Amino acid sequence: MHRSIGKAISLIALAVFVSFHSFSEEQKKIRVGYFSDNVFHSGQSDIEFKKGYGYEYYAMLAKYTGWTYQYCYGSWTEVYNEFLKGNIDIIDDVSITPERKRQMDFSSLPMGEEHYYIFVPQKGSQISISDINTLNGKKIGANKNSINHSLLENFIEENELDCTIVLCDGVNDRIEKIKSGEIDAMVTTDGF
């Protein structure tokens, strides 16, 4: 079962540092933020098979640019923080927000759009899709430094709910926390 957290649609795009545009022709090795995600990236080491929407997007981009990639692995939060520090040149699956527009450049065309939902375990949950108040007193997982975190905060405030947000390091962390009972629900996209 899942519950939409509103009409929140966030455009996702490729994000690059401003200095990225000053790369010379000789400097074609690009440090790519590669986080574990069921839809965007799989293969979390240089020896593992890679696939996913983000991986295919990078492969297509390399055909036009001639770039080769050095993959930098980690959770979405780790990769995002390294990107902000300048240790990674390019990342994908970044929701566009006014704050982020001040920090980084985005591709002129979005990669797609995301719809965010609150997912709960299929069995044993006391949360009902027909009664939003059953979220009161529950712990809901959301990514650190993410749009799903800020959307969840807004959703809780707008609906005057009494929930606790538990910050997580990506979808795999949220899934593990649901399995262990640390959280009652999680926010993620419909494509996880």
C-alpha atoms as a PDB file:
ATOM      1  CA  MET A   1       0.000   0.000   0.000  1.00  0.00           C
ATOM      2  CA  HIS A   2       1.161   3.530  -0.652  1.00  0.00           C
ATOM      3  CA  ARG A   3      -0.191   6.995  -0.076  1.00  0.00           C
ATOM      4  CA  SER A   4       0.640   9.968  -2.272  1.00  0.00           C
ATOM      5  CA  ILE A   5       2.198  12.860  -0.415  1.00  0.00           C
ATOM      6  CA  GLY A   6       0.350  15.341  -2.535  1.00  0.00           C
ATOM      7  CA  LYS A   7       0.687  16.466  -6.085  1.00  0.00           C
ATOM      8  CA  ALA A   8       4.410  16.768  -5.578  1.00  0.00           C
ATOM      9  CA  ILE A   9       6.107  16.313  -8.892  1.00  0.00           C
ATOM     10  CA  SER A  10       9.751  17.113  -9.022  1.00  0.00           C
ATOM     11  CA  LEU A  11      11.703  17.351 -12.217  1.00  0.00           C
ATOM     12  CA  ILE A  12      14.914  15.388 -12.015  1.00  0.00           C
ATOM     13  CA  ALA A  13      17.931  16.317 -13.994  1.00  0.00           C
ATOM     14  CA  LEU A  14      21.605  15.878 -14.488  1.00  0.00           C
ATOM     15  CA  ALA A  15      23.551  18.208 -12.205  1.00  0.00           C
ATOM     16  CA  VAL A  16      27.020  19.515 -12.968  1.00  0.00           C
ATOM     17  CA  PHE A  17      29.419  21.912 -11.302  1.00  0.00           C
ATOM     18  CA  VAL A  18      29.932  25.315 -12.907  1.00  0.00           C
ATOM     19  CA  SER A  19      33.647  24.517 -13.244  1.00  0.00           C
ATOM     20  CA  PHE A  20      32.645  21.433 -15.225  1.00  0.00           C
ATOM     21  CA  HIS A  21      32.107  23.662 -18.275  1.00  0.00           C
ATOM     22  CA  SER A  22      35.790  24.637 -18.276  1.00  0.00           C
ATOM     23  CA  PHE A  23      37.047  21.083 -18.951  1.00  0.00           C
ATOM     24  CA  SER A  24      39.515  20.967 -21.823  1.00  0.00           C
ATOM     25  CA  GLU A  25      39.388  18.463 -24.673  1.00  0.00           C
ATOM     26  CA  GLU A  26      42.252  16.528 -23.074  1.00  0.00           C
ATOM     27  CA  GLN A  27      40.421  16.282 -19.752  1.00  0.00           C
ATOM     28  CA  LYS A  28      37.755  13.749 -20.691  1.00  0.00           C
ATOM     29  CA  LYS A  29      37.726  11.523 -17.578  1.00  0.00           C
ATOM     30  CA  ILE A  30      34.657  12.556 -15.614  1.00  0.00           C
ATOM     31  CA  ARG A  31      34.049  11.603 -11.964  1.00  0.00           C
ATOM     32  CA  VAL A  32      30.475  10.279 -11.854  1.00  0.00           C
ATOM     33  CA  GLY A  33      28.465   9.949  -8.658  1.00  0.00           C
ATOM     34  CA  TYR A  34      27.103   6.398  -8.740  1.00  0.00           C
ATOM     35  CA  PHE A  35      24.708   5.510  -5.940  1.00  0.00           C
ATOM     36  CA  SER A  36      22.909   2.242  -5.345  1.00  0.00           C
ATOM     37  CA  ASP A  37      19.344   2.420  -6.600  1.00  0.00           C
ATOM     38  CA  ASN A  38      17.066  -0.227  -8.068  1.00  0.00           C
ATOM     39  CA  VAL A  39      16.014   1.966 -10.991  1.00  0.00           C
ATOM     40  CA  PHE A  40      18.934   4.290 -11.738  1.00  0.00           C
ATOM     41  CA  HIS A  41      22.115   2.385 -10.941  1.00  0.00           C
ATOM     42  CA  SER A  42      23.113  -1.149 -10.151  1.00  0.00           C
ATOM     43  CA  GLY A  43      26.641  -2.511  -9.952  1.00  0.00           C
ATOM     44  CA  GLN A  44      28.369  -0.863  -7.013  1.00  0.00           C
ATOM     45  CA  SER A  45      31.987  -1.588  -7.887  1.00  0.00           C
ATOM     46  CA  ASP A  46      34.178  -1.416 -10.956  1.00  0.00           C
ATOM     47  CA  ILE A  47      34.003  -5.183 -11.409  1.00  0.00           C
ATOM     48  CA  GLU A  48      30.209  -5.519 -11.139  1.00  0.00           C
ATOM     49  CA  PHE A  49      27.879  -5.435 -14.145  1.00  0.00           C
ATOM     50  CA  LYS A  50      26.224  -2.044 -14.436  1.00  0.00           C
ATOM     51  CA  LYS A  51      22.704  -1.298 -15.612  1.00  0.00           C
ATOM     52  CA  GLY A  52      19.831   1.087 -14.949  1.00  0.00           C
ATOM     53  CA  TYR A  53      18.321   4.278 -16.278  1.00  0.00           C
ATOM     54  CA  GLY A  54      21.145   6.496 -14.986  1.00  0.00           C
ATOM     55  CA  TYR A  55      23.827   4.164 -16.276  1.00  0.00           C
ATOM     56  CA  GLU A  56      22.236   4.091 -19.743  1.00  0.00           C
ATOM     57  CA  TYR A  57      21.891   7.879 -19.670  1.00  0.00           C
ATOM     58  CA  TYR A  58      25.616   8.261 -18.953  1.00  0.00           C
ATOM     59  CA  ALA A  59      26.487   5.754 -21.706  1.00  0.00           C
ATOM     60  CA  MET A  60      24.474   7.762 -24.233  1.00  0.00           C
ATOM     61  CA  LEU A  61      26.024  11.025 -23.041  1.00  0.00           C
ATOM     62  CA  ALA A  62      29.521   9.554 -23.490  1.00  0.00           C
ATOM     63  CA  LYS A  63      28.715   8.734 -27.127  1.00  0.00           C
ATOM     64  CA  TYR A  64      28.240  12.455 -27.802  1.00  0.00           C
ATOM     65  CA  THR A  65      30.988  13.865 -25.578  1.00  0.00           C
ATOM     66  CA  GLY A  66      33.761  11.290 -25.846  1.00  0.00           C
ATOM     67  CA  TRP A  67      34.053  11.192 -22.068  1.00  0.00           C
ATOM     68  CA  THR A  68      35.195   8.231 -20.032  1.00  0.00           C
ATOM     69  CA  TYR A  69      34.003   7.818 -16.504  1.00  0.00           C
ATOM     70  CA  GLN A  70      35.518   7.196 -13.120  1.00  0.00           C
ATOM     71  CA  TYR A  71      32.628   5.954 -11.003  1.00  0.00           C
ATOM     72  CA  CYS A  72      32.512   7.216  -7.411  1.00  0.00           C
ATOM     73  CA  TYR A  73      30.370   4.855  -5.317  1.00  0.00           C
ATOM     74  CA  GLY A  74      28.267   5.480  -2.238  1.00  0.00           C
ATOM     75  CA  SER A  75      24.755   6.115  -0.987  1.00  0.00           C
ATOM     76  CA  TRP A  76      22.819   8.944  -2.609  1.00  0.00           C
ATOM     77  CA  THR A  77      23.614  11.169   0.382  1.00  0.00           C
ATOM     78  CA  GLU A  78      27.339  10.358   0.278  1.00  0.00           C
ATOM     79  CA  VAL A  79      27.538  10.935  -3.473  1.00  0.00           C
ATOM     80  CA  TYR A  80      25.554  14.180  -3.229  1.00  0.00           C
ATOM     81  CA  ASN A  81      27.779  15.526  -0.438  1.00  0.00           C
ATOM     82  CA  GLU A  82      30.949  14.648  -2.380  1.00  0.00           C
ATOM     83  CA  PHE A  83      29.466  16.391  -5.416  1.00  0.00           C
ATOM     84  CA  LEU A  84      28.856  19.544  -3.353  1.00  0.00           C
ATOM     85  CA  LYS A  85      32.478  19.416  -2.126  1.00  0.00           C
ATOM     86  CA  GLY A  86      33.709  19.266  -5.746  1.00  0.00           C
ATOM     87  CA  ASN A  87      35.020  15.697  -5.490  1.00  0.00           C
ATOM     88  CA  ILE A  88      32.504  14.472  -8.086  1.00  0.00           C
ATOM     89  CA  ASP A  89      31.875  16.208 -11.408  1.00  0.00           C
ATOM     90  CA  ILE A  90      28.431  14.969 -12.377  1.00  0.00           C
ATOM     91  CA  ILE A  91      25.442  13.211 -10.786  1.00  0.00           C
ATOM     92  CA  ASP A  92      21.974  12.311 -11.968  1.00  0.00           C
ATOM     93  CA  ASP A  93      18.570  11.883 -10.345  1.00  0.00           C
ATOM     94  CA  VAL A  94      18.774  15.297  -8.680  1.00  0.00           C
ATOM     95  CA  SER A  95      15.484  17.059  -8.071  1.00  0.00           C
ATOM     96  CA  ILE A  96      15.526  20.703  -9.047  1.00  0.00           C
ATOM     97  CA  THR A  97      14.908  23.119  -6.178  1.00  0.00           C
ATOM     98  CA  PRO A  98      15.597  26.873  -5.913  1.00  0.00           C
ATOM     99  CA  GLU A  99      18.420  26.210  -3.411  1.00  0.00           C
ATOM    100  CA  ARG A 100      20.047  23.622  -5.644  1.00  0.00           C
ATOM    101  CA  LYS A 101      19.798  25.947  -8.646  1.00  0.00           C
ATOM    102  CA  ARG A 102      22.046  28.342  -6.702  1.00  0.00           C
ATOM    103  CA  GLN A 103      24.566  25.550  -5.958  1.00  0.00           C
ATOM    104  CA  MET A 104      24.882  23.715  -9.287  1.00  0.00           C
ATOM    105  CA  ASP A 105      24.007  23.745 -12.953  1.00  0.00           C
ATOM    106  CA  PHE A 106      21.331  21.465 -14.343  1.00  0.00           C
ATOM    107  CA  SER A 107      20.827  20.023 -17.778  1.00  0.00           C
ATOM    108  CA  SER A 108      18.472  22.146 -19.870  1.00  0.00           C
ATOM    109  CA  LEU A 109      16.096  19.211 -20.315  1.00  0.00           C
ATOM    110  CA  PRO A 110      14.971  17.108 -17.364  1.00  0.00           C
ATOM    111  CA  MET A 111      15.655  13.369 -17.291  1.00  0.00           C
ATOM    112  CA  GLY A 112      12.075  12.786 -16.178  1.00  0.00           C
ATOM    113  CA  GLU A 113       9.717  13.468 -13.320  1.00  0.00           C
ATOM    114  CA  GLU A 114       9.080  11.779 -10.034  1.00  0.00           C
ATOM    115  CA  HIS A 115       5.966  11.271  -7.961  1.00  0.00           C
ATOM    116  CA  TYR A 116       6.565  10.673  -4.270  1.00  0.00           C
ATOM    117  CA  TYR A 117       4.553   8.297  -2.091  1.00  0.00           C
ATOM    118  CA  ILE A 118       4.505   6.952   1.437  1.00  0.00           C
ATOM    119  CA  PHE A 119       4.953   3.185   1.282  1.00  0.00           C
ATOM    120  CA  VAL A 120       4.161   0.854   4.165  1.00  0.00           C
ATOM    121  CA  PRO A 121       4.786  -2.877   4.616  1.00  0.00           C
ATOM    122  CA  GLN A 122       2.128  -5.093   3.084  1.00  0.00           C
ATOM    123  CA  LYS A 123       1.515  -7.041   6.282  1.00  0.00           C
ATOM    124  CA  GLY A 124       1.118  -5.904   9.852  1.00  0.00           C
ATOM    125  CA  SER A 125       0.883  -2.153   9.257  1.00  0.00           C
ATOM    126  CA  GLN A 126      -1.497  -0.075  11.329  1.00  0.00           C
ATOM    127  CA  ILE A 127      -1.488   2.634   8.648  1.00  0.00           C
ATOM    128  CA  SER A 128      -4.603   2.879   6.492  1.00  0.00           C
ATOM    129  CA  ILE A 129      -4.804   4.520   3.085  1.00  0.00           C
ATOM    130  CA  SER A 130      -8.355   5.612   3.918  1.00  0.00           C
ATOM    131  CA  ASP A 131      -7.441   7.369   7.194  1.00  0.00           C
ATOM    132  CA  ILE A 132      -4.484   9.766   7.052  1.00  0.00           C
ATOM    133  CA  ASN A 133      -4.564  10.135  10.839  1.00  0.00           C
ATOM    134  CA  THR A 134      -3.227   6.575  11.181  1.00  0.00           C
ATOM    135  CA  LEU A 135       0.160   8.142  10.332  1.00  0.00           C
ATOM    136  CA  ASN A 136       0.138   9.896  13.726  1.00  0.00           C
ATOM    137  CA  GLY A 137       2.783   8.496  16.051  1.00  0.00           C
ATOM    138  CA  LYS A 138       4.542   6.683  13.218  1.00  0.00           C
ATOM    139  CA  LYS A 139       8.169   6.904  12.069  1.00  0.00           C
ATOM    140  CA  ILE A 140       8.607   7.619   8.366  1.00  0.00           C
ATOM    141  CA  GLY A 141      11.953   7.248   6.576  1.00  0.00           C
ATOM    142  CA  ALA A 142      13.210   9.831   4.074  1.00  0.00           C
ATOM    143  CA  ASN A 143      16.618  10.510   2.521  1.00  0.00           C
ATOM    144  CA  LYS A 144      18.942  13.045   4.133  1.00  0.00           C
ATOM    145  CA  ASN A 145      19.334  16.261   2.100  1.00  0.00           C
ATOM    146  CA  SER A 146      16.621  15.195  -0.321  1.00  0.00           C
ATOM    147  CA  ILE A 147      13.486  16.518  -1.917  1.00  0.00           C
ATOM    148  CA  ASN A 148      11.552  13.564  -0.447  1.00  0.00           C
ATOM    149  CA  HIS A 149      12.524  14.790   3.032  1.00  0.00           C
ATOM    150  CA  SER A 150      11.302  18.346   2.411  1.00  0.00           C
ATOM    151  CA  LEU A 151       8.123  17.118   0.689  1.00  0.00           C
ATOM    152  CA  LEU A 152       7.399  14.876   3.675  1.00  0.00           C
ATOM    153  CA  GLU A 153       7.915  17.786   6.089  1.00  0.00           C
ATOM    154  CA  ASN A 154       5.433  19.868   4.079  1.00  0.00           C
ATOM    155  CA  PHE A 155       2.948  16.985   3.890  1.00  0.00           C
ATOM    156  CA  ILE A 156       3.076  16.465   7.678  1.00  0.00           C
ATOM    157  CA  GLU A 157       2.642  20.188   8.335  1.00  0.00           C
ATOM    158  CA  GLU A 158      -0.184  20.664   5.809  1.00  0.00           C
ATOM    159  CA  ASN A 159      -2.104  17.708   7.242  1.00  0.00           C
ATOM    160  CA  GLU A 160      -1.331  18.557  10.888  1.00  0.00           C
ATOM    161  CA  LEU A 161       0.126  15.120  11.537  1.00  0.00           C
ATOM    162  CA  ASP A 162       2.297  14.040  14.453  1.00  0.00           C
ATOM    163  CA  CYS A 163       4.947  11.853  12.789  1.00  0.00           C
ATOM    164  CA  THR A 164       8.661  11.414  13.277  1.00  0.00           C
ATOM    165  CA  ILE A 165      10.919  11.667  10.242  1.00  0.00           C
ATOM    166  CA  VAL A 166      13.858   9.270  10.323  1.00  0.00           C
ATOM    167  CA  LEU A 167      16.655  10.354   7.986  1.00  0.00           C
ATOM    168  CA  CYS A 168      18.154   7.557   5.886  1.00  0.00           C
ATOM    169  CA  ASP A 169      21.040   7.036   3.464  1.00  0.00           C
ATOM    170  CA  GLY A 170      19.091   5.940   0.413  1.00  0.00           C
ATOM    171  CA  VAL A 171      16.401   3.504  -0.624  1.00  0.00           C
ATOM    172  CA  ASN A 172      18.284   0.410   0.553  1.00  0.00           C
ATOM    173  CA  ASP A 173      18.688   1.935   4.025  1.00  0.00           C
ATOM    174  CA  ARG A 174      14.962   2.761   4.131  1.00  0.00           C
ATOM    175  CA  ILE A 175      14.042  -0.788   3.092  1.00  0.00           C
ATOM    176  CA  GLU A 176      16.313  -2.287   5.772  1.00  0.00           C
ATOM    177  CA  LYS A 177      14.820   0.019   8.408  1.00  0.00           C
ATOM    178  CA  ILE A 178      11.288  -1.048   7.432  1.00  0.00           C
ATOM    179  CA  LYS A 179      12.279  -4.721   7.607  1.00  0.00           C
ATOM    180  CA  SER A 180      13.842  -4.262  11.046  1.00  0.00           C
ATOM    181  CA  GLY A 181      10.894  -2.227  12.351  1.00  0.00           C
ATOM    182  CA  GLU A 182      12.936   0.949  12.900  1.00  0.00           C
ATOM    183  CA  ILE A 183      10.456   2.827  10.697  1.00  0.00           C
ATOM    184  CA  ASP A 184       6.768   2.238   9.955  1.00  0.00           C
ATOM    185  CA  ALA A 185       6.783   3.683   6.433  1.00  0.00           C
ATOM    186  CA  MET A 186       9.051   5.340   3.907  1.00  0.00           C
ATOM    187  CA  VAL A 187       8.858   8.035   1.274  1.00  0.00           C
ATOM    188  CA  THR A 188      10.078   7.132  -2.167  1.00  0.00           C
ATOM    189  CA  THR A 189       9.135   7.351  -5.815  1.00  0.00           C
ATOM    190  CA  ASP A 190       6.766   5.022  -7.562  1.00  0.00           C
ATOM    191  CA  GLY A 191       9.665   3.513  -9.503  1.00  0.00           C
ATOM    192  CA  PHE A 192      11.790   2.234  -6.618  1.00  0.00           C
END
